[in-house]
Each structure stands twice: as structure tokens, then as C-alpha cells.
Amino acid sequence: MMVATMKLKPSDFNRRIVFGKTKDELDKSGNFYVPTLIPELSLWCAPRTRTLNQQYQIMKTELEDTIIVVIRHNPKVNETYEAEYRDELYDIISISTDDTNQTFAYDFITLKKVKKAGA
């Protein structure tokens, strides 16, 4: 499996991701409620790029508009959280935990961008 053989360097973890729960709050104009993340956990993550073949395989599936990030294993992170990554809000679709019993275990998190109201 890809998870067990993947080598990640500390320098790969170069992006911040924030996990938390969303709450509807009024926007700057005071007219519309927008989902706002209430941060609970901020971690370093490593973005993963899918191969072209993997991209073709997920076309026309529920995973088509998703991205994958890797974090050091953290039992606090679960599917009930939302995530803010690169100034965008995402739902957590799945968490694949590396259970190879290595010194450093990783969680591969599949994220799907939250659609804005009216979009």
C-alpha cells in the first residue's frame, strides 16, 4: 500500500491546516450568514499530489473535487471537524491512518471544498 512505503521528510510539512467546527456568523455587510471556522487545532501538513492516472480514476466520482493532505498522526482529528487550508473551507471526507507501527505515523486526510451558498 502507498501509505507504508511513502517517505516523508520534515520539510514536506510546509503548510498550515486548521481544524475546528463551523458556526454560521454574519458577514461583514451584516446581511448574510456565512460558515465561519472556530479553530480548535492548528497543524503542519504536507500536500499530496495525485498522479494523472489517479486523477482519471476518480473522475465522475464523489472524490473528483477533493485534495489530500498528510499530517503527523493525531487522534484528535476526526471526520466531525471541518478544515481551513489555503484560505478555503473544507469538509473532511475520510482519514486514512498509517498503522504500520512506525516511529512516525501519518494520517492521510481527504478534503472536499465546501460549496458557498448560491454557488
Protein backbone atom coordinates (compact mmCIF):
# COMPACT_ATOMS: atom_id res chain seq x y z
CA MET A 1 0.00 0.00 0.00
CA MET A 2 1.16 3.53 -0.75
CA VAL A 3 0.97 4.70 2.88
CA ALA A 4 3.52 2.20 4.18
CA THR A 5 6.12 2.88 1.51
CA MET A 6 5.84 6.66 1.33
CA LYS A 7 8.80 8.56 2.71
CA LEU A 8 8.00 11.98 4.07
CA LYS A 9 10.63 14.49 5.11
CA PRO A 10 10.09 17.13 7.80
CA SER A 11 10.48 19.77 5.07
CA ASP A 12 7.40 18.33 3.28
CA PHE A 13 5.24 19.61 6.14
CA ASN A 14 5.29 23.22 4.99
CA ARG A 15 1.62 24.30 5.04
CA ARG A 16 -0.69 25.13 7.93
CA ILE A 17 -4.08 23.49 8.27
CA VAL A 18 -6.61 24.46 10.92
CA PHE A 19 -9.25 22.04 12.19
CA GLY A 20 -12.39 23.07 14.02
CA LYS A 21 -16.16 23.34 13.91
CA THR A 22 -18.04 25.82 11.77
CA LYS A 23 -20.65 28.23 13.03
CA ASP A 24 -22.84 30.48 10.91
CA GLU A 25 -21.96 34.11 11.55
CA LEU A 26 -22.98 37.35 9.86
CA ASP A 27 -20.68 38.54 7.09
CA LYS A 28 -19.06 42.00 7.01
CA SER A 29 -22.18 43.56 5.48
CA GLY A 30 -24.34 42.16 8.26
CA ASN A 31 -26.84 40.77 5.74
CA PHE A 32 -25.85 37.12 5.22
CA TYR A 33 -24.82 34.25 7.43
CA VAL A 34 -21.65 32.51 6.29
CA PRO A 35 -19.96 29.43 7.75
CA THR A 36 -17.02 30.53 9.91
CA LEU A 37 -14.44 28.11 11.30
CA ILE A 38 -13.95 28.17 15.07
CA PRO A 39 -10.33 26.91 15.30
CA GLU A 40 -9.53 24.08 17.70
CA LEU A 41 -6.29 22.66 16.31
CA SER A 42 -3.59 24.06 14.00
CA LEU A 43 -1.07 21.63 12.47
CA TRP A 44 1.61 21.46 9.80
CA CYS A 45 0.64 19.36 6.80
CA ALA A 46 2.18 18.05 3.60
CA PRO A 47 0.06 18.43 0.45
CA ARG A 48 -0.07 15.30 -1.73
CA THR A 49 -0.42 15.38 -5.47
CA ARG A 50 -2.29 12.64 -7.27
CA THR A 51 -0.78 11.07 -10.34
CA LEU A 52 -2.51 11.64 -13.66
CA ASN A 53 -3.70 8.03 -13.59
CA GLN A 54 -5.21 8.54 -10.11
CA GLN A 55 -6.94 11.71 -11.33
CA TYR A 56 -8.53 9.78 -14.22
CA GLN A 57 -9.67 7.01 -11.86
CA ILE A 58 -11.60 9.37 -9.61
CA MET A 59 -13.25 11.37 -12.41
CA LYS A 60 -17.06 11.40 -12.13
CA THR A 61 -16.92 10.02 -8.57
CA GLU A 62 -17.61 11.73 -5.26
CA LEU A 63 -13.83 12.17 -4.89
CA GLU A 64 -13.40 14.22 -8.08
CA ASP A 65 -13.13 17.63 -6.37
CA THR A 66 -11.05 16.52 -3.40
CA ILE A 67 -7.49 17.08 -2.25
CA ILE A 68 -5.25 15.08 0.06
CA VAL A 69 -3.04 16.39 2.84
CA VAL A 70 -0.84 14.43 5.24
CA ILE A 71 -0.39 15.23 8.93
CA ARG A 72 1.57 13.52 11.67
CA HIS A 73 -0.89 11.11 13.29
CA ASN A 74 -3.18 12.98 15.65
CA PRO A 75 -6.04 11.12 17.35
CA LYS A 76 -7.88 14.42 17.97
CA VAL A 77 -8.55 14.90 14.24
CA ASN A 78 -11.76 13.20 13.10
CA GLU A 79 -14.48 13.48 10.44
CA THR A 80 -16.65 15.75 12.61
CA TYR A 81 -14.21 18.61 12.03
CA GLU A 82 -14.00 20.99 9.11
CA ALA A 83 -10.65 22.30 7.93
CA GLU A 84 -9.32 25.62 6.71
CA TYR A 85 -6.49 25.16 4.23
CA ARG A 86 -5.02 27.84 1.97
CA ASP A 87 -7.85 30.26 2.85
CA GLU A 88 -10.56 27.78 1.79
CA LEU A 89 -13.04 25.83 3.92
CA TYR A 90 -13.17 22.03 3.52
CA ASP A 91 -15.16 19.09 4.84
CA ILE A 92 -13.18 16.03 5.90
CA ILE A 93 -14.29 13.16 3.66
CA SER A 94 -12.01 10.48 5.11
CA ILE A 95 -8.97 9.92 7.29
CA SER A 96 -6.65 7.07 6.42
CA THR A 97 -4.33 6.37 9.33
CA ASP A 98 -0.93 4.82 8.79
CA ASP A 99 -1.00 1.82 11.13
CA THR A 100 2.41 0.39 10.22
CA ASN A 101 3.70 0.94 13.77
CA GLN A 102 6.48 3.19 12.53
CA THR A 103 8.05 5.74 14.87
CA PHE A 104 6.23 8.48 12.97
CA ALA A 105 2.72 7.57 11.85
CA TYR A 106 0.78 9.75 9.41
CA ASP A 107 -2.85 10.49 8.66
CA PHE A 108 -3.85 10.96 5.01
CA ILE A 109 -6.83 13.30 5.04
CA THR A 110 -9.16 13.65 2.04
CA LEU A 111 -10.75 17.10 1.93
CA LYS A 112 -13.63 18.41 -0.20
CA LYS A 113 -14.13 22.14 -0.64
CA VAL A 114 -17.29 23.49 0.97
CA LYS A 115 -19.58 24.97 -1.63
CA LYS A 116 -20.56 28.54 -0.90
CA ALA A 117 -24.27 29.33 -0.62
CA GLY A 118 -25.75 30.08 -4.00
CA ALA A 119 -22.79 28.56 -5.86
